[in-house]
């Protein structure tokens, strides 16, 4: 496997940074840097925080909070999906048992959830 690394110049809040990245990740890293720059410019333009480090820490905290909230939302959605699937499984098993389907060899469906 060839490791095709590329030097990428990112501009964040007027400062340039050189990073090495795999060629296939260049667009995504550029998009991430642009997103970070937009967030930092918004904080700077708010006028309350003027130091680069203060802006960076504020944006990092905001992004961490957003990520954690997204994880909670995704976890809740997954739990709801599993609960709905288990309810559907119960209803299907009830229908199969009530109808005594002759072509069906078993009397229950099995559902397994893998969180990986």
PDB file of N, CA and C in Angstrom:
ATOM      1  N   UNK A   1       0.845  -1.180   0.000  1.00  0.00           N
ATOM      2  CA  UNK A   1       0.000   0.000   0.000  1.00  0.00           C
ATOM      3  C   UNK A   1       0.888   1.241   0.000  1.00  0.00           C
ATOM      4  N   UNK A   2       0.642   2.123  -0.943  1.00  0.00           N
ATOM      5  CA  UNK A   2       1.430   3.337  -1.070  1.00  0.00           C
ATOM      6  C   UNK A   2       0.800   4.425  -0.211  1.00  0.00           C
ATOM      7  N   UNK A   3       1.612   5.056   0.614  1.00  0.00           N
ATOM      8  CA  UNK A   3       1.133   6.138   1.458  1.00  0.00           C
ATOM      9  C   UNK A   3       1.340   7.439   0.704  1.00  0.00           C
ATOM     10  N   UNK A   4       0.316   7.933   0.052  1.00  0.00           N
ATOM     11  CA  UNK A   4       0.394   9.114  -0.782  1.00  0.00           C
ATOM     12  C   UNK A   4       0.066  10.355   0.046  1.00  0.00           C
ATOM     13  N   UNK A   5       1.083  10.923   0.675  1.00  0.00           N
ATOM     14  CA  UNK A   5       0.893  12.092   1.533  1.00  0.00           C
ATOM     15  C   UNK A   5       1.059  13.368   0.712  1.00  0.00           C
ATOM     16  N   UNK A   6       0.331  14.383   1.121  1.00  0.00           N
ATOM     17  CA  UNK A   6       0.387  15.672   0.449  1.00  0.00           C
ATOM     18  C   UNK A   6       0.505  16.760   1.495  1.00  0.00           C
ATOM     19  N   UNK A   7       1.274  17.804   1.202  1.00  0.00           N
ATOM     20  CA  UNK A   7       1.336  18.960   2.089  1.00  0.00           C
ATOM     21  C   UNK A   7       0.177  19.873   1.752  1.00  0.00           C
ATOM     22  N   UNK A   8      -0.557  20.242   2.772  1.00  0.00           N
ATOM     23  CA  UNK A   8      -1.754  21.057   2.593  1.00  0.00           C
ATOM     24  C   UNK A   8      -1.586  22.338   3.391  1.00  0.00           C
ATOM     25  N   UNK A   9      -1.890  23.465   2.767  1.00  0.00           N
ATOM     26  CA  UNK A   9      -1.845  24.752   3.447  1.00  0.00           C
ATOM     27  C   UNK A   9      -3.264  25.143   3.819  1.00  0.00           C
ATOM     28  N   UNK A  10      -3.480  25.345   5.111  1.00  0.00           N
ATOM     29  CA  UNK A  10      -4.784  25.734   5.618  1.00  0.00           C
ATOM     30  C   UNK A  10      -4.693  27.142   6.188  1.00  0.00           C
ATOM     31  N   UNK A  11      -5.704  27.941   5.929  1.00  0.00           N
ATOM     32  CA  UNK A  11      -5.721  29.303   6.449  1.00  0.00           C
ATOM     33  C   UNK A  11      -6.862  29.412   7.449  1.00  0.00           C
ATOM     34  N   UNK A  12      -6.489  29.711   8.687  1.00  0.00           N
ATOM     35  CA  UNK A  12      -7.463  29.822   9.766  1.00  0.00           C
ATOM     36  C   UNK A  12      -7.251  31.148  10.480  1.00  0.00           C
ATOM     37  N   UNK A  13      -8.278  31.968  10.464  1.00  0.00           N
ATOM     38  CA  UNK A  13      -8.262  33.291  11.090  1.00  0.00           C
ATOM     39  C   UNK A  13      -7.032  34.097  10.649  1.00  0.00           C
ATOM     40  N   UNK A  14      -6.756  34.027   9.363  1.00  0.00           N
ATOM     41  CA  UNK A  14      -5.669  34.802   8.788  1.00  0.00           C
ATOM     42  C   UNK A  14      -4.281  34.202   8.948  1.00  0.00           C
ATOM     43  N   UNK A  15      -4.183  33.091   9.605  1.00  0.00           N
ATOM     44  CA  UNK A  15      -2.887  32.429   9.799  1.00  0.00           C
ATOM     45  C   UNK A  15      -2.820  31.178   8.927  1.00  0.00           C
ATOM     46  N   UNK A  16      -1.656  30.952   8.340  1.00  0.00           N
ATOM     47  CA  UNK A  16      -1.488  29.770   7.508  1.00  0.00           C
ATOM     48  C   UNK A  16      -0.812  28.653   8.287  1.00  0.00           C
ATOM     49  N   UNK A  17      -1.289  27.446   8.044  1.00  0.00           N
ATOM     50  CA  UNK A  17      -0.754  26.246   8.694  1.00  0.00           C
ATOM     51  C   UNK A  17      -0.479  25.201   7.625  1.00  0.00           C
ATOM     52  N   UNK A  18       0.668  24.574   7.724  1.00  0.00           N
ATOM     53  CA  UNK A  18       1.042  23.491   6.819  1.00  0.00           C
ATOM     54  C   UNK A  18       0.813  22.173   7.542  1.00  0.00           C
ATOM     55  N   UNK A  19       0.084  21.286   6.901  1.00  0.00           N
ATOM     56  CA  UNK A  19      -0.091  19.960   7.475  1.00  0.00           C
ATOM     57  C   UNK A  19       0.112  18.926   6.381  1.00  0.00           C
ATOM     58  N   UNK A  20       0.555  17.760   6.789  1.00  0.00           N
ATOM     59  CA  UNK A  20       0.668  16.639   5.864  1.00  0.00           C
ATOM     60  C   UNK A  20      -0.589  15.792   6.038  1.00  0.00           C
ATOM     61  N   UNK A  21      -1.137  15.385   4.906  1.00  0.00           N
ATOM     62  CA  UNK A  21      -2.346  14.566   4.968  1.00  0.00           C
ATOM     63  C   UNK A  21      -2.370  13.619   3.777  1.00  0.00           C
ATOM     64  N   UNK A  22      -3.073  12.509   3.913  1.00  0.00           N
ATOM     65  CA  UNK A  22      -3.242  11.618   2.771  1.00  0.00           C
ATOM     66  C   UNK A  22      -4.005  12.351   1.667  1.00  0.00           C
ATOM     67  N   UNK A  23      -3.613  12.128   0.434  1.00  0.00           N
ATOM     68  CA  UNK A  23      -4.244  12.821  -0.700  1.00  0.00           C
ATOM     69  C   UNK A  23      -5.751  12.645  -0.717  1.00  0.00           C
ATOM     70  N   UNK A  24      -6.217  11.454  -0.350  1.00  0.00           N
ATOM     71  CA  UNK A  24      -7.656  11.195  -0.407  1.00  0.00           C
ATOM     72  C   UNK A  24      -8.435  11.955   0.667  1.00  0.00           C
ATOM     73  N   UNK A  25      -7.744  12.545   1.643  1.00  0.00           N
ATOM     74  CA  UNK A  25      -8.413  13.295   2.719  1.00  0.00           C
ATOM     75  C   UNK A  25      -8.317  14.800   2.525  1.00  0.00           C
ATOM     76  N   UNK A  26      -7.675  15.235   1.477  1.00  0.00           N
ATOM     77  CA  UNK A  26      -7.403  16.659   1.281  1.00  0.00           C
ATOM     78  C   UNK A  26      -8.682  17.505   1.283  1.00  0.00           C
ATOM     79  N   UNK A  27      -9.667  17.118   0.507  1.00  0.00           N
ATOM     80  CA  UNK A  27     -10.899  17.918   0.411  1.00  0.00           C
ATOM     81  C   UNK A  27     -11.611  17.999   1.751  1.00  0.00           C
ATOM     82  N   UNK A  28     -11.694  16.865   2.461  1.00  0.00           N
ATOM     83  CA  UNK A  28     -12.382  16.857   3.750  1.00  0.00           C
ATOM     84  C   UNK A  28     -11.663  17.716   4.781  1.00  0.00           C
ATOM     85  N   UNK A  29     -10.334  17.654   4.788  1.00  0.00           N
ATOM     86  CA  UNK A  29      -9.573  18.478   5.737  1.00  0.00           C
ATOM     87  C   UNK A  29      -9.694  19.961   5.392  1.00  0.00           C
ATOM     88  N   UNK A  30      -9.713  20.276   4.115  1.00  0.00           N
ATOM     89  CA  UNK A  30      -9.899  21.670   3.702  1.00  0.00           C
ATOM     90  C   UNK A  30     -11.277  22.164   4.138  1.00  0.00           C
ATOM     91  N   UNK A  31     -12.297  21.326   3.964  1.00  0.00           N
ATOM     92  CA  UNK A  31     -13.645  21.688   4.412  1.00  0.00           C
ATOM     93  C   UNK A  31     -13.695  21.878   5.923  1.00  0.00           C
ATOM     94  N   UNK A  32     -13.012  21.010   6.663  1.00  0.00           N
ATOM     95  CA  UNK A  32     -12.972  21.128   8.125  1.00  0.00           C
ATOM     96  C   UNK A  32     -12.286  22.429   8.540  1.00  0.00           C
ATOM     97  N   UNK A  33     -11.186  22.758   7.871  1.00  0.00           N
ATOM     98  CA  UNK A  33     -10.473  24.001   8.183  1.00  0.00           C
ATOM     99  C   UNK A  33     -11.336  25.219   7.850  1.00  0.00           C
ATOM    100  N   UNK A  34     -12.047  25.166   6.741  1.00  0.00           N
ATOM    101  CA  UNK A  34     -12.940  26.272   6.375  1.00  0.00           C
ATOM    102  C   UNK A  34     -14.047  26.442   7.410  1.00  0.00           C
ATOM    103  N   UNK A  35     -14.587  25.323   7.874  1.00  0.00           N
ATOM    104  CA  UNK A  35     -15.633  25.366   8.901  1.00  0.00           C
ATOM    105  C   UNK A  35     -15.096  25.982  10.192  1.00  0.00           C
ATOM    106  N   UNK A  36     -13.912  25.535  10.601  1.00  0.00           N
ATOM    107  CA  UNK A  36     -13.270  26.088  11.798  1.00  0.00           C
ATOM    108  C   UNK A  36     -13.030  27.581  11.636  1.00  0.00           C
ATOM    109  N   UNK A  37     -12.543  27.982  10.470  1.00  0.00           N
ATOM    110  CA  UNK A  37     -12.283  29.396  10.204  1.00  0.00           C
ATOM    111  C   UNK A  37     -13.574  30.205  10.312  1.00  0.00           C
ATOM    112  N   UNK A  38     -14.663  29.705   9.735  1.00  0.00           N
ATOM    113  CA  UNK A  38     -15.951  30.410   9.813  1.00  0.00           C
ATOM    114  C   UNK A  38     -16.393  30.585  11.263  1.00  0.00           C
ATOM    115  N   UNK A  39     -16.251  29.536  12.054  1.00  0.00           N
ATOM    116  CA  UNK A  39     -16.645  29.613  13.469  1.00  0.00           C
ATOM    117  C   UNK A  39     -15.775  30.621  14.217  1.00  0.00           C
ATOM    118  N   UNK A  40     -14.478  30.611  13.929  1.00  0.00           N
ATOM    119  CA  UNK A  40     -13.572  31.528  14.620  1.00  0.00           C
ATOM    120  C   UNK A  40     -13.833  32.973  14.210  1.00  0.00           C
ATOM    121  N   UNK A  41     -14.097  33.204  12.933  1.00  0.00           N
ATOM    122  CA  UNK A  41     -14.408  34.559  12.464  1.00  0.00           C
ATOM    123  C   UNK A  41     -15.684  35.064  13.134  1.00  0.00           C
ATOM    124  N   UNK A  42     -16.678  34.197  13.263  1.00  0.00           N
ATOM    125  CA  UNK A  42     -17.932  34.594  13.906  1.00  0.00           C
ATOM    126  C   UNK A  42     -17.706  34.998  15.360  1.00  0.00           C
ATOM    127  N   UNK A  43     -16.892  34.230  16.081  1.00  0.00           N
ATOM    128  CA  UNK A  43     -16.586  34.564  17.483  1.00  0.00           C
ATOM    129  C   UNK A  43     -15.807  35.875  17.547  1.00  0.00           C
ATOM    130  N   UNK A  44     -14.813  36.015  16.668  1.00  0.00           N
ATOM    131  CA  UNK A  44     -14.017  37.248  16.656  1.00  0.00           C
ATOM    132  C   UNK A  44     -14.891  38.451  16.346  1.00  0.00           C
ATOM    133  N   UNK A  45     -15.789  38.310  15.361  1.00  0.00           N
ATOM    134  CA  UNK A  45     -16.648  39.427  14.965  1.00  0.00           C
ATOM    135  C   UNK A  45     -17.681  39.779  16.029  1.00  0.00           C
ATOM    136  N   UNK A  46     -17.925  38.849  16.939  1.00  0.00           N
ATOM    137  CA  UNK A  46     -18.819  39.111  18.058  1.00  0.00           C
ATOM    138  C   UNK A  46     -18.224  40.181  18.965  1.00  0.00           C
ATOM    139  N   UNK A  47     -16.884  40.254  18.987  1.00  0.00           N
ATOM    140  CA  UNK A  47     -16.200  41.335  19.678  1.00  0.00           C
ATOM    141  C   UNK A  47     -15.899  41.132  21.139  1.00  0.00           C
ATOM    142  N   UNK A  48     -16.395  40.071  21.730  1.00  0.00           N
ATOM    143  CA  UNK A  48     -16.160  39.866  23.163  1.00  0.00           C
ATOM    144  C   UNK A  48     -14.796  39.250  23.436  1.00  0.00           C
ATOM    145  N   UNK A  49     -14.332  38.410  22.522  1.00  0.00           N
ATOM    146  CA  UNK A  49     -13.050  37.734  22.708  1.00  0.00           C
ATOM    147  C   UNK A  49     -12.134  38.173  21.574  1.00  0.00           C
ATOM    148  N   UNK A  50     -10.948  38.648  21.922  1.00  0.00           N
ATOM    149  CA  UNK A  50     -10.074  39.155  20.866  1.00  0.00           C
ATOM    150  C   UNK A  50      -8.800  38.334  20.670  1.00  0.00           C
ATOM    151  N   UNK A  51      -8.385  37.589  21.674  1.00  0.00           N
ATOM    152  CA  UNK A  51      -7.142  36.829  21.515  1.00  0.00           C
ATOM    153  C   UNK A  51      -7.389  35.580  20.674  1.00  0.00           C
ATOM    154  N   UNK A  52      -6.396  35.218  19.895  1.00  0.00           N
ATOM    155  CA  UNK A  52      -6.494  34.035  19.050  1.00  0.00           C
ATOM    156  C   UNK A  52      -6.782  32.803  19.892  1.00  0.00           C
ATOM    157  N   UNK A  53      -6.055  32.661  20.992  1.00  0.00           N
ATOM    158  CA  UNK A  53      -6.226  31.498  21.856  1.00  0.00           C
ATOM    159  C   UNK A  53      -7.623  31.470  22.488  1.00  0.00           C
ATOM    160  N   UNK A  54      -8.112  32.633  22.894  1.00  0.00           N
ATOM    161  CA  UNK A  54      -9.450  32.711  23.478  1.00  0.00           C
ATOM    162  C   UNK A  54     -10.521  32.312  22.470  1.00  0.00           C
ATOM    163  N   UNK A  55     -10.360  32.779  21.242  1.00  0.00           N
ATOM    164  CA  UNK A  55     -11.303  32.424  20.175  1.00  0.00           C
ATOM    165  C   UNK A  55     -11.238  30.930  19.908  1.00  0.00           C
ATOM    166  N   UNK A  56     -10.023  30.402  19.833  1.00  0.00           N
ATOM    167  CA  UNK A  56      -9.835  28.980  19.548  1.00  0.00           C
ATOM    168  C   UNK A  56     -10.452  28.103  20.630  1.00  0.00           C
ATOM    169  N   UNK A  57     -10.236  28.454  21.892  1.00  0.00           N
ATOM    170  CA  UNK A  57     -10.805  27.669  22.996  1.00  0.00           C
ATOM    171  C   UNK A  57     -12.326  27.758  22.983  1.00  0.00           C
ATOM    172  N   UNK A  58     -12.868  28.929  22.728  1.00  0.00           N
ATOM    173  CA  UNK A  58     -14.324  29.098  22.679  1.00  0.00           C
ATOM    174  C   UNK A  58     -14.929  28.240  21.572  1.00  0.00           C
ATOM    175  N   UNK A  59     -14.316  28.262  20.392  1.00  0.00           N
ATOM    176  CA  UNK A  59     -14.815  27.453  19.283  1.00  0.00           C
ATOM    177  C   UNK A  59     -14.671  25.965  19.602  1.00  0.00           C
ATOM    178  N   UNK A  60     -13.549  25.571  20.204  1.00  0.00           N
ATOM    179  CA  UNK A  60     -13.343  24.163  20.553  1.00  0.00           C
ATOM    180  C   UNK A  60     -14.411  23.686  21.542  1.00  0.00           C
ATOM    181  N   UNK A  61     -14.734  24.497  22.516  1.00  0.00           N
ATOM    182  CA  UNK A  61     -15.776  24.138  23.486  1.00  0.00           C
ATOM    183  C   UNK A  61     -17.132  24.033  22.790  1.00  0.00           C
ATOM    184  N   UNK A  62     -17.457  25.006  21.932  1.00  0.00           N
ATOM    185  CA  UNK A  62     -18.729  24.982  21.206  1.00  0.00           C
ATOM    186  C   UNK A  62     -18.837  23.746  20.313  1.00  0.00           C
ATOM    187  N   UNK A  63     -17.767  23.419  19.595  1.00  0.00           N
ATOM    188  CA  UNK A  63     -17.787  22.253  18.709  1.00  0.00           C
ATOM    189  C   UNK A  63     -17.877  20.957  19.511  1.00  0.00           C
ATOM    190  N   UNK A  64     -17.189  20.902  20.646  1.00  0.00           N
ATOM    191  CA  UNK A  64     -17.273  19.719  21.508  1.00  0.00           C
ATOM    192  C   UNK A  64     -18.689  19.541  22.028  1.00  0.00           C
ATOM    193  N   UNK A  65     -19.313  20.624  22.426  1.00  0.00           N
ATOM    194  CA  UNK A  65     -20.697  20.571  22.905  1.00  0.00           C
ATOM    195  C   UNK A  65     -21.629  20.068  21.801  1.00  0.00           C
ATOM    196  N   UNK A  66     -21.472  20.621  20.587  1.00  0.00           N
ATOM    197  CA  UNK A  66     -22.299  20.184  19.460  1.00  0.00           C
ATOM    198  C   UNK A  66     -22.110  18.695  19.181  1.00  0.00           C
ATOM    199  N   UNK A  67     -20.882  18.225  19.230  1.00  0.00           N
ATOM    200  CA  UNK A  67     -20.596  16.816  18.986  1.00  0.00           C
ATOM    201  C   UNK A  67     -21.244  15.939  20.048  1.00  0.00           C
ATOM    202  N   UNK A  68     -21.125  16.321  21.302  1.00  0.00           N
ATOM    203  CA  UNK A  68     -21.736  15.549  22.379  1.00  0.00           C
ATOM    204  C   UNK A  68     -23.261  15.531  22.252  1.00  0.00           C
ATOM    205  N   UNK A  69     -23.858  16.665  21.886  1.00  0.00           N
ATOM    206  CA  UNK A  69     -25.305  16.716  21.694  1.00  0.00           C
ATOM    207  C   UNK A  69     -25.733  15.810  20.542  1.00  0.00           C
ATOM    208  N   UNK A  70     -24.941  15.789  19.470  1.00  0.00           N
ATOM    209  CA  UNK A  70     -25.245  14.923  18.331  1.00  0.00           C
ATOM    210  C   UNK A  70     -25.149  13.457  18.736  1.00  0.00           C
ATOM    211  N   UNK A  71     -24.152  13.127  19.554  1.00  0.00           N
ATOM    212  CA  UNK A  71     -24.008  11.745  20.036  1.00  0.00           C
ATOM    213  C   UNK A  71     -25.202  11.328  20.886  1.00  0.00           C
ATOM    214  N   UNK A  72     -25.686  12.223  21.743  1.00  0.00           N
ATOM    215  CA  UNK A  72     -26.852  11.927  22.579  1.00  0.00           C
ATOM    216  C   UNK A  72     -28.075  11.729  21.687  1.00  0.00           C
ATOM    217  N   UNK A  73     -28.248  12.601  20.707  1.00  0.00           N
ATOM    218  CA  UNK A  73     -29.387  12.497  19.791  1.00  0.00           C
ATOM    219  C   UNK A  73     -29.333  11.185  19.011  1.00  0.00           C
ATOM    220  N   UNK A  74     -28.151  10.840  18.513  1.00  0.00           N
ATOM    221  CA  UNK A  74     -27.994   9.605  17.743  1.00  0.00           C
ATOM    222  C   UNK A  74     -28.261   8.387  18.623  1.00  0.00           C
ATOM    223  N   UNK A  75     -27.786   8.424  19.851  1.00  0.00           N
ATOM    224  CA  UNK A  75     -28.013   7.323  20.782  1.00  0.00           C
ATOM    225  C   UNK A  75     -29.505   7.154  21.069  1.00  0.00           C
ATOM    226  N   UNK A  76     -30.192   8.263  21.275  1.00  0.00           N
ATOM    227  CA  UNK A  76     -31.634   8.222  21.531  1.00  0.00           C
ATOM    228  C   UNK A  76     -32.376   7.679  20.320  1.00  0.00           C
ATOM    229  N   UNK A  77     -31.987   8.115  19.136  1.00  0.00           N
ATOM    230  CA  UNK A  77     -32.624   7.624  17.916  1.00  0.00           C
ATOM    231  C   UNK A  77     -32.390   6.131  17.741  1.00  0.00           C
ATOM    232  N   UNK A  78     -31.188   5.662  18.065  1.00  0.00           N
ATOM    233  CA  UNK A  78     -30.881   4.238  17.968  1.00  0.00           C
ATOM    234  C   UNK A  78     -31.728   3.446  18.957  1.00  0.00           C
ATOM    235  N   UNK A  79     -31.834   3.934  20.181  1.00  0.00           N
ATOM    236  CA  UNK A  79     -32.657   3.261  21.188  1.00  0.00           C
ATOM    237  C   UNK A  79     -34.117   3.194  20.739  1.00  0.00           C
ATOM    238  N   UNK A  80     -34.616   4.279  20.155  1.00  0.00           N
ATOM    239  CA  UNK A  80     -36.000   4.293  19.663  1.00  0.00           C
ATOM    240  C   UNK A  80     -36.179   3.305  18.513  1.00  0.00           C
ATOM    241  N   UNK A  81     -35.217   3.235  17.631  1.00  0.00           N
ATOM    242  CA  UNK A  81     -35.290   2.304  16.509  1.00  0.00           C
ATOM    243  C   UNK A  81     -35.307   0.860  17.011  1.00  0.00           C
ATOM    244  N   UNK A  82     -34.427   0.537  17.948  1.00  0.00           N
ATOM    245  CA  UNK A  82     -34.378  -0.820  18.511  1.00  0.00           C
ATOM    246  C   UNK A  82     -35.705  -1.148  19.193  1.00  0.00           C
ATOM    247  N   UNK A  83     -36.262  -0.205  19.941  1.00  0.00           N
ATOM    248  CA  UNK A  83     -37.538  -0.444  20.616  1.00  0.00           C
ATOM    249  C   UNK A  83     -38.651  -0.683  19.594  1.00  0.00           C
ATOM    250  N   UNK A  84     -38.668   0.099  18.533  1.00  0.00           N
ATOM    251  CA  UNK A  84     -39.684  -0.082  17.495  1.00  0.00           C
ATOM    252  C   UNK A  84     -39.520  -1.415  16.772  1.00  0.00           C
ATOM    253  N   UNK A  85     -38.286  -1.818  16.518  1.00  0.00           N
ATOM    254  CA  UNK A  85     -38.042  -3.112  15.867  1.00  0.00           C
ATOM    255  C   UNK A  85     -38.470  -4.264  16.773  1.00  0.00           C
ATOM    256  N   UNK A  86     -38.211  -4.135  18.053  1.00  0.00           N
ATOM    257  CA  UNK A  86     -38.614  -5.193  18.984  1.00  0.00           C
ATOM    258  C   UNK A  86     -40.142  -5.275  19.075  1.00  0.00           C
ATOM    259  N   UNK A  87     -40.818  -4.140  19.037  1.00  0.00           N
ATOM    260  CA  UNK A  87     -42.280  -4.123  19.035  1.00  0.00           C
ATOM    261  C   UNK A  87     -42.811  -4.777  17.759  1.00  0.00           C
ATOM    262  N   UNK A  88     -42.196  -4.462  16.632  1.00  0.00           N
ATOM    263  CA  UNK A  88     -42.586  -5.070  15.361  1.00  0.00           C
ATOM    264  C   UNK A  88     -42.367  -6.581  15.395  1.00  0.00           C
ATOM    265  N   UNK A  89     -41.236  -6.999  15.971  1.00  0.00           N
ATOM    266  CA  UNK A  89     -40.960  -8.436  16.098  1.00  0.00           C
ATOM    267  C   UNK A  89     -42.054  -9.111  16.927  1.00  0.00           C
ATOM    268  N   UNK A  90     -42.451  -8.483  18.012  1.00  0.00           N
ATOM    269  CA  UNK A  90     -43.496  -9.056  18.877  1.00  0.00           C
ATOM    270  C   UNK A  90     -44.814  -9.173  18.125  1.00  0.00           C
ATOM    271  N   UNK A  91     -45.164  -8.128  17.368  1.00  0.00           N
ATOM    272  CA  UNK A  91     -46.403  -8.155  16.593  1.00  0.00           C
ATOM    273  C   UNK A  91     -46.356  -9.240  15.517  1.00  0.00           C
ATOM    274  N   UNK A  92     -45.213  -9.368  14.836  1.00  0.00           N
ATOM    275  CA  UNK A  92     -45.077 -10.403  13.811  1.00  0.00           C
ATOM    276  C   UNK A  92     -45.192 -11.796  14.415  1.00  0.00           C
ATOM    277  N   UNK A  93     -44.561 -12.008  15.536  1.00  0.00           N
ATOM    278  CA  UNK A  93     -44.650 -13.308  16.211  1.00  0.00           C
ATOM    279  C   UNK A  93     -46.092 -13.617  16.605  1.00  0.00           C
ATOM    280  N   UNK A  94     -46.812 -12.605  17.072  1.00  0.00           N
ATOM    281  CA  UNK A  94     -48.215 -12.799  17.441  1.00  0.00           C
ATOM    282  C   UNK A  94     -49.042 -13.189  16.218  1.00  0.00           C
ATOM    283  N   UNK A  95     -48.835 -12.497  15.109  1.00  0.00           N
ATOM    284  CA  UNK A  95     -49.570 -12.805  13.884  1.00  0.00           C
ATOM    285  C   UNK A  95     -49.232 -14.208  13.401  1.00  0.00           C
ATOM    286  N   UNK A  96     -47.951 -14.556  13.430  1.00  0.00           N
ATOM    287  CA  UNK A  96     -47.546 -15.891  12.977  1.00  0.00           C
ATOM    288  C   UNK A  96     -48.153 -16.981  13.852  1.00  0.00           C
ATOM    289  N   UNK A  97     -48.175 -16.760  15.141  1.00  0.00           N
ATOM    290  CA  UNK A  97     -48.745 -17.758  16.041  1.00  0.00           C
ATOM    291  C   UNK A  97     -50.257 -17.840  15.886  1.00  0.00           C
ATOM    292  N   UNK A  98     -50.917 -16.704  15.728  1.00  0.00           N
ATOM    293  CA  UNK A  98     -52.378 -16.687  15.598  1.00  0.00           C
ATOM    294  C   UNK A  98     -52.842 -17.331  14.298  1.00  0.00           C
ATOM    295  N   UNK A  99     -52.074 -17.166  13.237  1.00  0.00           N
ATOM    296  CA  UNK A  99     -52.478 -17.701  11.937  1.00  0.00           C
ATOM    297  C   UNK A  99     -52.031 -19.136  11.719  1.00  0.00           C
ATOM    298  N   UNK A 100     -51.221 -19.656  12.599  1.00  0.00           N
ATOM    299  CA  UNK A 100     -50.724 -21.032  12.484  1.00  0.00           C
ATOM    300  C   UNK A 100     -50.279 -21.338  11.058  1.00  0.00           C
ATOM    301  N   UNK A 101     -49.364 -20.547  10.577  1.00  0.00           N
ATOM    302  CA  UNK A 101     -48.886 -20.726   9.200  1.00  0.00           C
ATOM    303  C   UNK A 101     -48.204 -22.074   9.051  1.00  0.00           C
ATOM    304  N   UNK A 102     -48.708 -22.883   8.142  1.00  0.00           N
ATOM    305  CA  UNK A 102     -48.153 -24.222   7.940  1.00  0.00           C
ATOM    306  C   UNK A 102     -46.816 -24.180   7.228  1.00  0.00           C
ATOM    307  N   UNK A 103     -46.609 -23.167   6.377  1.00  0.00           N
ATOM    308  CA  UNK A 103     -45.350 -23.107   5.635  1.00  0.00           C
ATOM    309  C   UNK A 103     -44.218 -22.532   6.477  1.00  0.00           C
ATOM    310  N   UNK A 104     -44.562 -22.048   7.640  1.00  0.00           N
ATOM    311  CA  UNK A 104     -43.546 -21.476   8.523  1.00  0.00           C
ATOM    312  C   UNK A 104     -43.109 -22.544   9.509  1.00  0.00           C
ATOM    313  N   UNK A 105     -41.811 -22.824   9.543  1.00  0.00           N
ATOM    314  CA  UNK A 105     -41.324 -23.938  10.356  1.00  0.00           C
ATOM    315  C   UNK A 105     -41.115 -23.574  11.820  1.00  0.00           C
ATOM    316  N   UNK A 106     -40.966 -22.313  12.129  1.00  0.00           N
ATOM    317  CA  UNK A 106     -40.713 -21.918  13.514  1.00  0.00           C
ATOM    318  C   UNK A 106     -41.878 -21.114  14.051  1.00  0.00           C
ATOM    319  N   UNK A 107     -41.817 -20.786  15.297  1.00  0.00           N
ATOM    320  CA  UNK A 107     -42.905 -19.999  15.868  1.00  0.00           C
ATOM    321  C   UNK A 107     -42.435 -18.647  16.398  1.00  0.00           C
ATOM    322  N   UNK A 108     -41.186 -18.281  16.089  1.00  0.00           N
ATOM    323  CA  UNK A 108     -40.755 -16.944  16.481  1.00  0.00           C
ATOM    324  C   UNK A 108     -39.648 -16.464  15.567  1.00  0.00           C
ATOM    325  N   UNK A 109     -39.547 -15.182  15.456  1.00  0.00           N
ATOM    326  CA  UNK A 109     -38.459 -14.550  14.719  1.00  0.00           C
ATOM    327  C   UNK A 109     -37.390 -14.164  15.725  1.00  0.00           C
ATOM    328  N   UNK A 110     -36.176 -14.116  15.281  1.00  0.00           N
ATOM    329  CA  UNK A 110     -35.111 -13.691  16.181  1.00  0.00           C
ATOM    330  C   UNK A 110     -34.578 -12.355  15.704  1.00  0.00           C
ATOM    331  N   UNK A 111     -34.355 -11.481  16.635  1.00  0.00           N
ATOM    332  CA  UNK A 111     -33.826 -10.158  16.344  1.00  0.00           C
ATOM    333  C   UNK A 111     -32.557  -9.968  17.163  1.00  0.00           C
ATOM    334  N   UNK A 112     -31.519  -9.544  16.497  1.00  0.00           N
ATOM    335  CA  UNK A 112     -30.265  -9.276  17.190  1.00  0.00           C
ATOM    336  C   UNK A 112     -29.790  -7.907  16.785  1.00  0.00           C
ATOM    337  N   UNK A 113     -29.436  -7.089  17.751  1.00  0.00           N
ATOM    338  CA  UNK A 113     -28.927  -5.753  17.494  1.00  0.00           C
ATOM    339  C   UNK A 113     -27.452  -5.722  17.833  1.00  0.00           C
ATOM    340  N   UNK A 114     -26.662  -5.238  16.883  1.00  0.00           N
ATOM    341  CA  UNK A 114     -25.219  -5.102  17.087  1.00  0.00           C
ATOM    342  C   UNK A 114     -24.898  -3.627  16.991  1.00  0.00           C
ATOM    343  N   UNK A 115     -24.390  -3.033  18.047  1.00  0.00           N
ATOM    344  CA  UNK A 115     -24.120  -1.597  18.120  1.00  0.00           C
ATOM    345  C   UNK A 115     -22.794  -1.217  17.492  1.00  0.00           C
ATOM    346  N   UNK A 116     -22.129  -2.092  16.813  1.00  0.00           N
ATOM    347  CA  UNK A 116     -20.818  -1.774  16.205  1.00  0.00           C
ATOM    348  C   UNK A 116     -20.985  -1.213  14.855  1.00  0.00           C
TER     349      UNK A 116
END
